[in-house]
Amino acid sequence: MTSEVMAVAVAPVAECTIAFPEIRMRSFLIATAFVLTAGTAVPTRSSPQRQMPATSIDHFLLWGRSIDQVTADMTVKLGFQVTPGRDPAGLANRYVRFADGSYIELLGITRVNPELDPGAQADQVSLKGAAGARTLGLRTTSLERMHDAVAALGWTPTPVFDGPKMANGRTGWRLFAFGKQPLSSNLFVIDYDKAWAPDLSATPAPGDWQAARVHPDGARALTAYWLLSANVENDRARLAAIGLKDSKPVRMPEIAASGTCVKVGDKAILLLQPDGAGIAADALQAGGPQIIGASVAVADLARAQRLVERGYEHSVTRYNGTFGPSFLAPTRDDLGMLLEFHAEIRGKDVCGI
């Protein structure tokens, strides 16, 4: 997010690159997603008598200890292509974009005493300067309808904020966050103008959209957020309240966690809590609620595994996970979270639903 570009992906229809006026603008817009999120429950009233707009997974924010460190980890060790962002005030961003329009935004501080807005400052307080992720975005088909619906639930949505104007005078993106978070991790909801340019500028060169999404590791899509919480049922009920009602119990012995797989279109949000000693319990104790992991679909699982093993210089073990054949990249020390690679799902329902 800079004076020109803050990339935000859309659903498979088209990806959008969003131009924030300043890096402070992005965090200001979602600053309330970070305010006083120390566990105050948000009351949920009975569902309003209206159909919730459809939603999809959009992106999450991943902080590195530095922007170069997180970029090197994503490229050299994991085989992603990273595309440029901006660095207007000592807080830089870059992007890992996928063919379906989802993406991961990378963030890193680049100078002493950067100009941090309240949202970025709150993130850094939570992370204590370490790498990790605390904020996720959902895309909706109707931002106003979703805003009215969550307000009717007794939640505390901020006003809807408009992004910058495109060359044609239309607004590229719009979003709202929450004064008190409904989930254990920070949430914002966003929608886009379909006419927004699909890549790094208002007039991308032919082929840029496709080229930016071709990864050496064969990554095709961001398919799931893994939210680590001390209260999975609380998060499940709130997702159900916004129309994400299809769910099924899930267990992840690889990190000693269990919980619920919530279907979000053809993707998922995994709501997890520790079920014994292990990675999940250690992470919750050290960092509180967080995005402990994410799942990425790849075209060739063997190729992705080989690149990760070469990047980390040791072998990884496959398992049959929520999305079928999968492996965990050993990214927790580098990224403050885990990345799961899995084979593309073809003709199979998410979460087994």
Protein backbone atom coordinates (compact mmCIF):
# COMPACT_ATOMS: atom_id res chain seq x y z
CA MET A 1 0.00 0.00 0.00
CA THR A 2 1.55 3.17 -1.11
CA SER A 3 0.81 6.43 -2.80
CA GLU A 4 0.03 4.34 -5.89
CA VAL A 5 -0.59 0.69 -5.23
CA MET A 6 -2.06 -1.63 -2.65
CA ALA A 7 -2.95 -4.87 -4.39
CA VAL A 8 -6.15 -6.52 -3.33
CA ALA A 9 -7.36 -9.59 -5.18
CA VAL A 10 -10.88 -10.29 -6.26
CA ALA A 11 -12.64 -13.57 -6.62
CA PRO A 12 -12.02 -15.62 -9.75
CA VAL A 13 -13.84 -13.04 -11.91
CA ALA A 14 -10.88 -10.62 -11.92
CA GLU A 15 -8.06 -9.60 -9.66
CA CYS A 16 -7.71 -5.98 -8.76
CA THR A 17 -4.78 -3.87 -7.79
CA ILE A 18 -5.89 -1.22 -5.34
CA ALA A 19 -4.20 2.18 -5.13
CA PHE A 20 -4.17 3.46 -1.57
CA PRO A 21 -3.23 7.13 -1.15
CA GLU A 22 -0.66 6.25 1.50
CA ILE A 23 0.36 3.12 3.35
CA ARG A 24 -1.29 4.70 6.37
CA MET A 25 -4.54 4.65 4.45
CA ARG A 26 -4.75 0.87 4.32
CA SER A 27 -4.20 0.42 7.95
CA PHE A 28 -6.45 3.34 8.81
CA LEU A 29 -9.23 1.73 6.86
CA ILE A 30 -8.83 -1.53 8.72
CA ALA A 31 -7.48 -0.03 11.94
CA THR A 32 -10.64 -0.80 13.83
CA ALA A 33 -10.02 -4.44 12.98
CA PHE A 34 -7.13 -4.27 15.43
CA VAL A 35 -8.59 -2.09 18.17
CA LEU A 36 -9.28 -3.70 21.53
CA THR A 37 -9.33 -7.25 20.17
CA ALA A 38 -8.20 -8.74 23.44
CA GLY A 39 -11.14 -11.12 23.61
CA THR A 40 -14.25 -9.04 24.28
CA ALA A 41 -17.11 -11.11 22.88
CA VAL A 42 -19.36 -9.44 20.36
CA PRO A 43 -23.02 -10.25 21.02
CA THR A 44 -24.86 -11.95 18.18
CA ARG A 45 -28.55 -11.27 17.82
CA SER A 46 -30.92 -13.48 15.91
CA SER A 47 -30.22 -13.47 12.18
CA PRO A 48 -31.94 -10.69 10.23
CA GLN A 49 -34.69 -11.77 7.86
CA ARG A 50 -32.63 -11.42 4.71
CA GLN A 51 -30.29 -13.55 2.66
CA MET A 52 -26.63 -12.89 3.30
CA PRO A 53 -24.51 -11.93 0.27
CA ALA A 54 -22.11 -14.57 -0.98
CA THR A 55 -18.53 -14.29 0.26
CA SER A 56 -15.17 -15.68 -0.80
CA ILE A 57 -11.63 -15.78 0.52
CA ASP A 58 -9.70 -12.70 -0.61
CA HIS A 59 -6.27 -12.36 1.02
CA PHE A 60 -4.40 -12.14 4.31
CA LEU A 61 -1.59 -9.90 5.55
CA LEU A 62 1.73 -11.59 6.32
CA TRP A 63 4.39 -9.61 8.21
CA GLY A 64 8.04 -10.52 7.86
CA ARG A 65 10.84 -9.45 10.17
CA SER A 66 11.86 -7.42 7.12
CA ILE A 67 10.42 -7.14 3.64
CA ASP A 68 13.55 -8.68 2.11
CA GLN A 69 13.51 -11.58 4.57
CA VAL A 70 9.90 -12.52 3.86
CA THR A 71 10.46 -12.09 0.12
CA ALA A 72 13.50 -14.37 0.16
CA ASP A 73 11.63 -17.01 2.16
CA MET A 74 8.70 -16.97 -0.25
CA THR A 75 10.88 -17.11 -3.36
CA VAL A 76 14.08 -19.01 -2.59
CA LYS A 77 12.73 -21.47 -0.02
CA LEU A 78 9.13 -21.92 -1.16
CA GLY A 79 9.17 -21.31 -4.92
CA PHE A 80 6.64 -18.48 -5.18
CA GLN A 81 6.93 -15.49 -7.48
CA VAL A 82 6.70 -12.21 -5.54
CA THR A 83 5.51 -9.08 -7.32
CA PRO A 84 6.45 -5.50 -6.37
CA GLY A 85 4.59 -3.15 -4.08
CA ARG A 86 5.58 0.22 -2.60
CA ASP A 87 7.44 1.71 0.37
CA PRO A 88 6.20 5.27 0.97
CA ALA A 89 6.93 5.70 4.66
CA GLY A 90 9.10 2.88 5.92
CA LEU A 91 6.45 0.14 5.62
CA ALA A 92 6.80 -1.83 2.40
CA ASN A 93 4.50 -4.36 0.79
CA ARG A 94 4.80 -7.01 -1.91
CA TYR A 95 2.43 -9.67 -3.24
CA VAL A 96 2.08 -13.35 -3.98
CA ARG A 97 -0.75 -13.49 -6.53
CA PHE A 98 -2.63 -16.60 -7.62
CA ALA A 99 -4.39 -17.50 -10.85
CA ASP A 100 -7.86 -17.47 -9.25
CA GLY A 101 -7.44 -13.89 -7.95
CA SER A 102 -6.62 -14.71 -4.32
CA TYR A 103 -3.29 -13.56 -2.92
CA ILE A 104 -1.02 -13.01 0.06
CA GLU A 105 0.19 -9.52 0.91
CA LEU A 106 3.70 -9.34 2.37
CA LEU A 107 4.62 -6.51 4.76
CA GLY A 108 7.89 -5.39 6.29
CA ILE A 109 9.39 -2.37 8.03
CA THR A 110 12.26 -0.83 6.06
CA ARG A 111 13.66 1.92 8.27
CA VAL A 112 14.02 3.02 11.86
CA ASN A 113 11.00 4.96 13.14
CA PRO A 114 8.68 4.25 10.21
CA GLU A 115 5.44 6.16 9.92
CA LEU A 116 2.99 3.56 11.23
CA ASP A 117 -0.74 4.18 11.27
CA PRO A 118 -2.81 2.79 14.17
CA GLY A 119 -3.56 -0.48 12.41
CA ALA A 120 0.05 -1.25 11.56
CA GLN A 121 1.13 -0.19 15.04
CA ALA A 122 -1.42 -2.51 16.63
CA ASP A 123 -0.22 -5.36 14.42
CA GLN A 124 3.36 -4.77 15.50
CA VAL A 125 2.35 -4.67 19.16
CA SER A 126 0.64 -8.04 18.76
CA LEU A 127 3.55 -9.56 16.87
CA LYS A 128 6.24 -7.88 19.00
CA GLY A 129 8.24 -7.25 15.84
CA ALA A 130 8.22 -10.92 14.83
CA ALA A 131 6.89 -12.46 11.63
CA GLY A 132 3.29 -13.66 11.47
CA ALA A 133 -0.29 -12.96 10.41
CA ARG A 134 -3.24 -11.53 12.31
CA THR A 135 -5.60 -10.11 9.65
CA LEU A 136 -7.73 -11.72 6.96
CA GLY A 137 -10.10 -10.41 4.34
CA LEU A 138 -13.32 -11.74 2.86
CA ARG A 139 -14.77 -10.53 -0.41
CA THR A 140 -18.52 -10.09 -0.68
CA THR A 141 -20.80 -9.76 -3.65
CA SER A 142 -22.66 -6.85 -2.01
CA LEU A 143 -20.80 -4.71 0.48
CA GLU A 144 -23.74 -2.56 1.54
CA ARG A 145 -26.01 -5.53 2.08
CA MET A 146 -23.35 -7.29 4.16
CA HIS A 147 -22.69 -4.10 6.13
CA ASP A 148 -26.39 -3.75 6.95
CA ALA A 149 -26.66 -7.42 7.84
CA VAL A 150 -23.77 -7.46 10.31
CA ALA A 151 -25.01 -4.22 11.87
CA ALA A 152 -28.39 -5.90 12.38
CA LEU A 153 -26.59 -8.74 14.14
CA GLY A 154 -25.34 -6.27 16.74
CA TRP A 155 -21.79 -6.19 15.43
CA THR A 156 -19.88 -2.93 15.05
CA PRO A 157 -18.97 -2.37 11.38
CA THR A 158 -17.08 0.80 10.54
CA PRO A 159 -18.43 3.03 7.80
CA VAL A 160 -17.73 1.78 4.28
CA PHE A 161 -14.51 3.35 3.00
CA ASP A 162 -13.93 4.08 -0.67
CA GLY A 163 -10.63 3.45 -2.40
CA PRO A 164 -9.06 5.87 -4.85
CA LYS A 165 -10.59 6.79 -8.17
CA MET A 166 -9.62 4.99 -11.33
CA ALA A 167 -8.77 6.79 -14.54
CA ASN A 168 -12.40 6.48 -15.60
CA GLY A 169 -13.53 8.19 -12.39
CA ARG A 170 -14.93 5.04 -10.77
CA THR A 171 -13.87 3.75 -7.36
CA GLY A 172 -11.67 0.64 -7.52
CA TRP A 173 -12.48 -0.91 -4.15
CA ARG A 174 -14.54 -0.39 -1.01
CA LEU A 175 -14.31 -2.03 2.42
CA PHE A 176 -15.38 -2.01 6.04
CA ALA A 177 -13.85 -3.43 9.22
CA PHE A 178 -15.11 -3.67 12.81
CA GLY A 179 -14.83 -1.61 15.97
CA LYS A 180 -14.90 -4.83 17.99
CA GLN A 181 -13.82 -7.93 16.16
CA PRO A 182 -16.44 -10.65 15.67
CA LEU A 183 -13.74 -13.31 15.19
CA SER A 184 -10.66 -14.21 17.17
CA SER A 185 -8.51 -12.93 14.27
CA ASN A 186 -8.92 -9.51 12.67
CA LEU A 187 -11.46 -9.40 9.84
CA PHE A 188 -12.33 -6.93 7.12
CA VAL A 189 -14.79 -7.24 4.22
CA ILE A 190 -14.11 -5.83 0.77
CA ASP A 191 -15.54 -5.58 -2.73
CA TYR A 192 -14.20 -4.28 -6.05
CA ASP A 193 -15.15 -2.59 -9.25
CA LYS A 194 -14.84 -5.14 -12.05
CA ALA A 195 -13.39 -2.46 -14.32
CA TRP A 196 -10.36 -1.97 -12.07
CA ALA A 197 -7.07 -2.75 -13.80
CA PRO A 198 -6.02 -6.32 -12.98
CA ASP A 199 -2.41 -5.80 -12.08
CA LEU A 200 0.22 -3.41 -10.81
CA SER A 201 -0.86 -0.25 -12.60
CA ALA A 202 -3.86 1.37 -14.23
CA THR A 203 -2.50 0.36 -17.64
CA PRO A 204 -0.67 -2.99 -17.31
CA ALA A 205 1.24 -4.33 -20.28
CA PRO A 206 -0.38 -7.25 -22.13
CA GLY A 207 0.42 -10.52 -20.40
CA ASP A 208 1.28 -8.97 -17.02
CA TRP A 209 -1.82 -10.41 -15.34
CA GLN A 210 -0.97 -13.97 -16.35
CA ALA A 211 2.79 -13.67 -15.88
CA ALA A 212 2.49 -12.38 -12.33
CA ARG A 213 0.61 -15.53 -11.35
CA VAL A 214 2.95 -18.18 -12.71
CA HIS A 215 4.91 -19.71 -9.82
CA PRO A 216 7.87 -22.10 -9.99
CA ASP A 217 6.19 -24.23 -7.32
CA GLY A 218 3.01 -24.48 -9.40
CA ALA A 219 0.82 -22.62 -6.88
CA ARG A 220 -2.67 -21.95 -8.21
CA ALA A 221 -4.86 -20.69 -5.36
CA LEU A 222 -5.06 -19.71 -1.72
CA THR A 223 -7.65 -22.22 -0.48
CA ALA A 224 -7.93 -21.82 3.29
CA TYR A 225 -7.16 -19.66 6.31
CA TRP A 226 -6.33 -21.50 9.56
CA LEU A 227 -7.54 -19.43 12.51
CA LEU A 228 -6.12 -20.47 15.86
CA SER A 229 -8.48 -19.63 18.70
CA ALA A 230 -9.20 -20.52 22.30
CA ASN A 231 -12.93 -20.64 21.43
CA VAL A 232 -13.73 -22.33 18.11
CA GLU A 233 -17.47 -22.45 18.75
CA ASN A 234 -17.59 -18.69 19.18
CA ASP A 235 -15.97 -18.17 15.76
CA ARG A 236 -18.12 -20.86 14.11
CA ALA A 237 -21.33 -19.23 15.34
CA ARG A 238 -20.29 -15.83 13.98
CA LEU A 239 -19.38 -17.21 10.57
CA ALA A 240 -22.71 -19.04 10.48
CA ALA A 241 -24.44 -15.74 11.28
CA ILE A 242 -23.09 -14.23 8.04
CA GLY A 243 -24.25 -17.16 5.96
CA LEU A 244 -21.24 -19.49 6.23
CA LYS A 245 -23.22 -22.30 7.82
CA ASP A 246 -21.79 -25.40 6.13
CA SER A 247 -19.20 -26.86 8.46
CA LYS A 248 -17.76 -30.15 9.59
CA PRO A 249 -15.44 -31.22 12.42
CA VAL A 250 -11.79 -31.41 11.48
CA ARG A 251 -8.64 -32.62 13.21
CA MET A 252 -5.07 -31.73 12.30
CA PRO A 253 -2.72 -34.05 14.18
CA GLU A 254 0.24 -32.44 12.39
CA ILE A 255 -0.12 -29.42 14.68
CA ALA A 256 -2.09 -31.09 17.51
CA ALA A 257 -5.27 -29.12 16.82
CA SER A 258 -8.93 -29.81 16.15
CA GLY A 259 -11.98 -27.75 15.37
CA THR A 260 -14.27 -26.97 12.44
CA CYS A 261 -13.85 -26.67 8.70
CA VAL A 262 -16.21 -23.94 7.47
CA LYS A 263 -16.98 -23.98 3.76
CA VAL A 264 -16.54 -20.64 1.94
CA GLY A 265 -17.61 -21.33 -1.63
CA ASP A 266 -15.00 -23.70 -3.03
CA LYS A 267 -12.58 -22.77 -0.22
CA ALA A 268 -12.56 -22.93 3.58
CA ILE A 269 -11.79 -21.33 6.92
CA LEU A 270 -10.38 -23.79 9.45
CA LEU A 271 -11.23 -22.82 13.01
CA LEU A 272 -8.72 -24.57 15.24
CA GLN A 273 -7.83 -24.88 18.89
CA PRO A 274 -5.16 -27.01 20.58
CA ASP A 275 -6.15 -30.54 21.53
CA GLY A 276 -2.95 -31.36 23.37
CA ALA A 277 0.69 -30.43 23.58
CA GLY A 278 2.19 -29.37 20.26
CA ILE A 279 2.53 -26.61 17.70
CA ALA A 280 -0.96 -25.15 18.16
CA ALA A 281 -0.71 -24.98 21.96
CA ASP A 282 2.75 -23.41 21.78
CA ALA A 283 1.60 -20.82 19.23
CA LEU A 284 -1.51 -19.86 21.19
CA GLN A 285 0.46 -19.46 24.40
CA ALA A 286 3.20 -17.41 22.72
CA GLY A 287 1.12 -15.22 20.41
CA GLY A 288 -2.57 -15.53 21.26
CA PRO A 289 -5.22 -15.87 18.53
CA GLN A 290 -3.66 -15.75 15.08
CA ILE A 291 -3.62 -17.06 11.55
CA ILE A 292 -1.51 -20.11 12.32
CA GLY A 293 -1.50 -21.39 8.77
CA ALA A 294 -2.87 -21.26 5.25
CA SER A 295 -3.45 -23.81 2.50
CA VAL A 296 -2.27 -23.39 -1.09
CA ALA A 297 -3.32 -25.56 -4.02
CA VAL A 298 -0.57 -26.53 -6.46
CA ALA A 299 -0.70 -28.04 -9.93
CA ASP A 300 2.05 -30.61 -9.21
CA LEU A 301 2.47 -31.63 -5.59
CA ALA A 302 5.68 -33.57 -6.24
CA ARG A 303 7.31 -30.56 -7.87
CA ALA A 304 6.26 -28.25 -5.05
CA GLN A 305 7.57 -30.72 -2.49
CA ARG A 306 10.91 -30.98 -4.26
CA LEU A 307 11.34 -27.20 -4.37
CA VAL A 308 10.48 -26.82 -0.67
CA GLU A 309 12.80 -29.66 0.32
CA ARG A 310 15.59 -28.08 -1.71
CA GLY A 311 14.87 -24.65 -0.25
CA TYR A 312 14.90 -25.88 3.36
CA GLU A 313 17.54 -28.57 2.77
CA HIS A 314 15.61 -31.37 4.44
CA SER A 315 12.71 -33.65 3.60
CA VAL A 316 9.04 -33.10 4.40
CA THR A 317 6.38 -35.75 4.96
CA ARG A 318 3.12 -36.02 3.07
CA TYR A 319 -0.18 -36.71 4.79
CA ASN A 320 -3.85 -36.93 3.84
CA GLY A 321 -5.18 -33.58 5.01
CA THR A 322 -8.41 -31.61 4.78
CA PHE A 323 -7.80 -31.07 1.05
CA GLY A 324 -6.36 -34.50 0.28
CA PRO A 325 -2.65 -35.28 -0.31
CA SER A 326 -0.67 -32.49 1.37
CA PHE A 327 2.56 -31.52 3.08
CA LEU A 328 3.55 -28.81 5.53
CA ALA A 329 6.43 -26.52 4.64
CA PRO A 330 8.62 -25.85 7.71
CA THR A 331 7.91 -22.12 7.65
CA ARG A 332 6.98 -21.39 11.25
CA ASP A 333 10.37 -20.01 12.26
CA ASP A 334 10.64 -17.92 9.07
CA LEU A 335 7.07 -16.70 8.56
CA GLY A 336 5.57 -17.07 12.02
CA MET A 337 2.95 -19.39 10.50
CA LEU A 338 2.68 -22.59 8.49
CA LEU A 339 1.99 -23.05 4.79
CA GLU A 340 0.34 -26.25 3.62
CA PHE A 341 0.68 -27.30 0.00
CA HIS A 342 -1.94 -29.67 -1.41
CA ALA A 343 -2.94 -31.10 -4.75
CA GLU A 344 -5.65 -29.21 -6.61
CA ILE A 345 -9.16 -30.34 -5.67
CA ARG A 346 -11.01 -31.60 -8.71
CA GLY A 347 -14.61 -32.67 -8.41
CA LYS A 348 -14.40 -32.91 -4.63
CA ASP A 349 -16.41 -30.96 -2.10
CA VAL A 350 -14.51 -28.76 0.35
CA CYS A 351 -14.55 -29.94 3.97
CA GLY A 352 -16.17 -33.17 2.79
CA ILE A 353 -19.52 -31.37 2.64
